[in-house]
Amino acid sequence: MSADFARAARGWIGTPYLHQASVRGVGCDCLGLVRGVWREVLGAEPEQVPVYTPDWSEPQGDEVLLRAASRHLCRVSLADITPGQIIVFRMRAGAVAKHLGIAAHCGAAPTFIHAYTGHGVVESPLSAPWQRRIAACFAFSKR
């Protein structure tokens, strides 16, 4: 089933970046991409997402994104990332986790699909700089 999420995420590539949106082909941010893929593969979202600012919860140091992921997803080992799983990133050391992507290809050349300011939804190499930023990884289904 995980591959279904990666396949669905690839259908969003080229969608423009739009803060708080989650409409394929129209606009989304990184959370909107995950929300849209959830709807396409699983159906209704598990909870309504509150309004959030681009800095998320950085000023408060609150791990809002990690807590929400833990409520609805199954945390997996970073050593076991497979296509279709959600990767949560810290954009800098010591900062709250506030960026997400969906693993797309694993092995010799891992990639992930994410919505990135100024670029929209793209598939990027999961390069060493991105790997250093990984805070957690989750599977879509709860166990």
C-alpha atoms as a PDB file:
ATOM      1  CA  MET A   1       0.000   0.000   0.000  1.00  0.00           C
ATOM      2  CA  SER A   2       2.905   2.403   0.682  1.00  0.00           C
ATOM      3  CA  ALA A   3       3.715   2.561  -3.022  1.00  0.00           C
ATOM      4  CA  ASP A   4       0.190   3.941  -3.605  1.00  0.00           C
ATOM      5  CA  PHE A   5       1.164   7.051  -1.630  1.00  0.00           C
ATOM      6  CA  ALA A   6       4.349   7.616  -3.646  1.00  0.00           C
ATOM      7  CA  ARG A   7       2.423   7.119  -6.890  1.00  0.00           C
ATOM      8  CA  ALA A   8      -0.271   9.570  -5.768  1.00  0.00           C
ATOM      9  CA  ALA A   9       2.363  12.115  -4.683  1.00  0.00           C
ATOM     10  CA  ARG A  10       3.979  11.977  -8.135  1.00  0.00           C
ATOM     11  CA  GLY A  11       0.635  13.096  -9.565  1.00  0.00           C
ATOM     12  CA  TRP A  12       1.080  16.354  -7.624  1.00  0.00           C
ATOM     13  CA  ILE A  13       4.464  17.230  -9.184  1.00  0.00           C
ATOM     14  CA  GLY A  14       4.208  20.640 -10.828  1.00  0.00           C
ATOM     15  CA  THR A  15       1.495  21.898  -8.465  1.00  0.00           C
ATOM     16  CA  PRO A  16       2.452  25.481  -7.478  1.00  0.00           C
ATOM     17  CA  TYR A  17       3.432  26.291  -3.898  1.00  0.00           C
ATOM     18  CA  LEU A  18       0.590  27.966  -2.015  1.00  0.00           C
ATOM     19  CA  HIS A  19       0.694  28.295   1.772  1.00  0.00           C
ATOM     20  CA  GLN A  20      -2.081  26.289   3.518  1.00  0.00           C
ATOM     21  CA  ALA A  21      -3.599  25.002   0.263  1.00  0.00           C
ATOM     22  CA  SER A  22      -4.052  21.334  -0.655  1.00  0.00           C
ATOM     23  CA  VAL A  23      -5.498  21.171  -4.180  1.00  0.00           C
ATOM     24  CA  ARG A  24      -3.598  19.173  -6.811  1.00  0.00           C
ATOM     25  CA  GLY A  25      -2.718  21.290  -9.829  1.00  0.00           C
ATOM     26  CA  VAL A  26      -3.880  24.489  -8.102  1.00  0.00           C
ATOM     27  CA  GLY A  27      -1.621  24.902  -5.072  1.00  0.00           C
ATOM     28  CA  CYS A  28      -0.288  23.346  -1.887  1.00  0.00           C
ATOM     29  CA  ASP A  29       2.398  23.573   0.734  1.00  0.00           C
ATOM     30  CA  CYS A  30       4.237  20.570   2.177  1.00  0.00           C
ATOM     31  CA  LEU A  31       1.436  19.727   4.623  1.00  0.00           C
ATOM     32  CA  GLY A  32      -1.144  20.289   1.895  1.00  0.00           C
ATOM     33  CA  LEU A  33       0.629  17.734  -0.296  1.00  0.00           C
ATOM     34  CA  VAL A  34       0.436  15.111   2.461  1.00  0.00           C
ATOM     35  CA  ARG A  35      -3.195  16.028   3.167  1.00  0.00           C
ATOM     36  CA  GLY A  36      -4.104  15.759  -0.513  1.00  0.00           C
ATOM     37  CA  VAL A  37      -2.384  12.408  -0.920  1.00  0.00           C
ATOM     38  CA  TRP A  38      -4.163  11.176   2.232  1.00  0.00           C
ATOM     39  CA  ARG A  39      -7.528  12.137   0.703  1.00  0.00           C
ATOM     40  CA  GLU A  40      -6.713  10.494  -2.642  1.00  0.00           C
ATOM     41  CA  VAL A  41      -5.603   7.190  -1.116  1.00  0.00           C
ATOM     42  CA  LEU A  42      -7.427   6.903   2.236  1.00  0.00           C
ATOM     43  CA  GLY A  43     -10.420   9.249   2.020  1.00  0.00           C
ATOM     44  CA  ALA A  44     -11.392  11.945   4.508  1.00  0.00           C
ATOM     45  CA  GLU A  45      -8.662  13.606   6.569  1.00  0.00           C
ATOM     46  CA  PRO A  46      -8.571  12.513  10.223  1.00  0.00           C
ATOM     47  CA  GLU A  47      -8.820  16.035  11.660  1.00  0.00           C
ATOM     48  CA  GLN A  48      -9.231  19.616  10.535  1.00  0.00           C
ATOM     49  CA  VAL A  49      -5.936  21.459  10.235  1.00  0.00           C
ATOM     50  CA  PRO A  50      -5.888  24.738  12.145  1.00  0.00           C
ATOM     51  CA  VAL A  51      -4.606  27.930  10.558  1.00  0.00           C
ATOM     52  CA  TYR A  52      -0.801  28.076  10.724  1.00  0.00           C
ATOM     53  CA  THR A  53       1.821  30.642   9.845  1.00  0.00           C
ATOM     54  CA  PRO A  54       4.854  29.971   7.634  1.00  0.00           C
ATOM     55  CA  ASP A  55       7.084  29.906  10.746  1.00  0.00           C
ATOM     56  CA  TRP A  56       4.813  27.181  12.235  1.00  0.00           C
ATOM     57  CA  SER A  57       5.529  27.020  15.919  1.00  0.00           C
ATOM     58  CA  GLU A  58       9.157  28.121  15.843  1.00  0.00           C
ATOM     59  CA  PRO A  59       8.791  31.089  18.227  1.00  0.00           C
ATOM     60  CA  GLN A  60       7.213  28.822  20.854  1.00  0.00           C
ATOM     61  CA  GLY A  61       9.498  25.830  20.177  1.00  0.00           C
ATOM     62  CA  ASP A  62       6.377  23.654  20.014  1.00  0.00           C
ATOM     63  CA  GLU A  63       6.571  20.376  18.017  1.00  0.00           C
ATOM     64  CA  VAL A  64       3.033  20.700  16.632  1.00  0.00           C
ATOM     65  CA  LEU A  65       3.784  18.834  13.406  1.00  0.00           C
ATOM     66  CA  LEU A  66       5.464  15.851  15.104  1.00  0.00           C
ATOM     67  CA  ARG A  67       2.611  15.548  17.613  1.00  0.00           C
ATOM     68  CA  ALA A  68      -0.005  15.596  14.848  1.00  0.00           C
ATOM     69  CA  ALA A  69       1.910  12.980  12.852  1.00  0.00           C
ATOM     70  CA  SER A  70       2.147  10.778  15.943  1.00  0.00           C
ATOM     71  CA  ARG A  71      -1.637  10.972  16.431  1.00  0.00           C
ATOM     72  CA  HIS A  72      -2.493   9.712  12.946  1.00  0.00           C
ATOM     73  CA  LEU A  73       0.527   7.851  11.617  1.00  0.00           C
ATOM     74  CA  CYS A  74       2.830   5.023  12.632  1.00  0.00           C
ATOM     75  CA  ARG A  75       6.405   6.076  13.429  1.00  0.00           C
ATOM     76  CA  VAL A  76       9.014   3.946  11.634  1.00  0.00           C
ATOM     77  CA  SER A  77      12.757   3.616  11.935  1.00  0.00           C
ATOM     78  CA  LEU A  78      14.829   6.004   9.838  1.00  0.00           C
ATOM     79  CA  ALA A  79      16.747   2.927   8.653  1.00  0.00           C
ATOM     80  CA  ASP A  80      13.533   1.497   7.194  1.00  0.00           C
ATOM     81  CA  ILE A  81      12.302   4.367   5.003  1.00  0.00           C
ATOM     82  CA  THR A  82      10.343   2.986   2.065  1.00  0.00           C
ATOM     83  CA  PRO A  83       8.475   4.686  -0.798  1.00  0.00           C
ATOM     84  CA  GLY A  84       5.229   6.255   0.319  1.00  0.00           C
ATOM     85  CA  GLN A  85       6.297   7.025   3.873  1.00  0.00           C
ATOM     86  CA  ILE A  86       6.271  10.549   5.263  1.00  0.00           C
ATOM     87  CA  ILE A  87       9.605  12.118   6.143  1.00  0.00           C
ATOM     88  CA  VAL A  88       9.536  15.017   8.624  1.00  0.00           C
ATOM     89  CA  PHE A  89      12.424  17.505   8.555  1.00  0.00           C
ATOM     90  CA  ARG A  90      13.951  20.161  10.790  1.00  0.00           C
ATOM     91  CA  MET A  91      15.130  22.940   8.500  1.00  0.00           C
ATOM     92  CA  ARG A  92      17.999  23.745  10.867  1.00  0.00           C
ATOM     93  CA  ALA A  93      19.559  22.147  13.946  1.00  0.00           C
ATOM     94  CA  GLY A  94      17.607  22.841  17.115  1.00  0.00           C
ATOM     95  CA  ALA A  95      14.543  24.129  15.252  1.00  0.00           C
ATOM     96  CA  VAL A  96      11.091  22.569  15.387  1.00  0.00           C
ATOM     97  CA  ALA A  97      10.182  20.083  12.675  1.00  0.00           C
ATOM     98  CA  LYS A  98       8.210  21.977  10.040  1.00  0.00           C
ATOM     99  CA  HIS A  99       8.743  20.425   6.620  1.00  0.00           C
ATOM    100  CA  LEU A 100       7.471  17.137   5.214  1.00  0.00           C
ATOM    101  CA  GLY A 101       7.875  15.041   2.139  1.00  0.00           C
ATOM    102  CA  ILE A 102       6.860  11.633   0.858  1.00  0.00           C
ATOM    103  CA  ALA A 103       9.607   9.084   0.188  1.00  0.00           C
ATOM    104  CA  ALA A 104       9.528   8.133  -3.470  1.00  0.00           C
ATOM    105  CA  HIS A 105      12.505   5.901  -4.241  1.00  0.00           C
ATOM    106  CA  CYS A 106      14.823   4.100  -1.902  1.00  0.00           C
ATOM    107  CA  GLY A 107      18.117   2.379  -2.486  1.00  0.00           C
ATOM    108  CA  ALA A 108      21.163   3.805  -4.198  1.00  0.00           C
ATOM    109  CA  ALA A 109      19.448   7.074  -5.133  1.00  0.00           C
ATOM    110  CA  PRO A 110      16.646   7.841  -2.649  1.00  0.00           C
ATOM    111  CA  THR A 111      14.255  10.677  -3.486  1.00  0.00           C
ATOM    112  CA  PHE A 112      11.305  12.403  -1.877  1.00  0.00           C
ATOM    113  CA  ILE A 113       8.398  14.470  -3.134  1.00  0.00           C
ATOM    114  CA  HIS A 114       7.653  17.743  -1.359  1.00  0.00           C
ATOM    115  CA  ALA A 115       6.188  21.193  -1.855  1.00  0.00           C
ATOM    116  CA  TYR A 116       8.909  23.765  -1.571  1.00  0.00           C
ATOM    117  CA  THR A 117       8.590  27.551  -1.479  1.00  0.00           C
ATOM    118  CA  GLY A 118       9.463  29.018  -4.870  1.00  0.00           C
ATOM    119  CA  HIS A 119       9.452  25.606  -6.574  1.00  0.00           C
ATOM    120  CA  GLY A 120       6.056  24.003  -5.996  1.00  0.00           C
ATOM    121  CA  VAL A 121       5.808  20.232  -5.766  1.00  0.00           C
ATOM    122  CA  VAL A 122       9.031  18.593  -6.895  1.00  0.00           C
ATOM    123  CA  GLU A 123      10.869  15.305  -6.522  1.00  0.00           C
ATOM    124  CA  SER A 124      14.264  15.920  -4.955  1.00  0.00           C
ATOM    125  CA  PRO A 125      17.212  13.671  -4.164  1.00  0.00           C
ATOM    126  CA  LEU A 126      17.260  12.684  -0.502  1.00  0.00           C
ATOM    127  CA  SER A 127      20.832  13.956  -0.404  1.00  0.00           C
ATOM    128  CA  ALA A 128      23.118  14.059   2.636  1.00  0.00           C
ATOM    129  CA  PRO A 129      22.058  17.645   3.560  1.00  0.00           C
ATOM    130  CA  TRP A 130      18.385  16.581   3.539  1.00  0.00           C
ATOM    131  CA  GLN A 131      19.131  13.336   5.394  1.00  0.00           C
ATOM    132  CA  ARG A 132      20.823  15.302   8.184  1.00  0.00           C
ATOM    133  CA  ARG A 133      17.594  17.264   8.637  1.00  0.00           C
ATOM    134  CA  ILE A 134      15.316  14.236   9.118  1.00  0.00           C
ATOM    135  CA  ALA A 135      13.514  14.405  12.465  1.00  0.00           C
ATOM    136  CA  ALA A 136      11.235  11.383  12.021  1.00  0.00           C
ATOM    137  CA  CYS A 137       9.627   9.068   9.508  1.00  0.00           C
ATOM    138  CA  PHE A 138       6.044   7.787   9.534  1.00  0.00           C
ATOM    139  CA  ALA A 139       3.904   5.284   7.643  1.00  0.00           C
ATOM    140  CA  PHE A 140       0.394   6.350   6.632  1.00  0.00           C
ATOM    141  CA  SER A 141      -1.297   3.485   8.447  1.00  0.00           C
ATOM    142  CA  LYS A 142      -1.520   3.258  12.233  1.00  0.00           C
ATOM    143  CA  ARG A 143      -0.525  -0.096  13.771  1.00  0.00           C
END
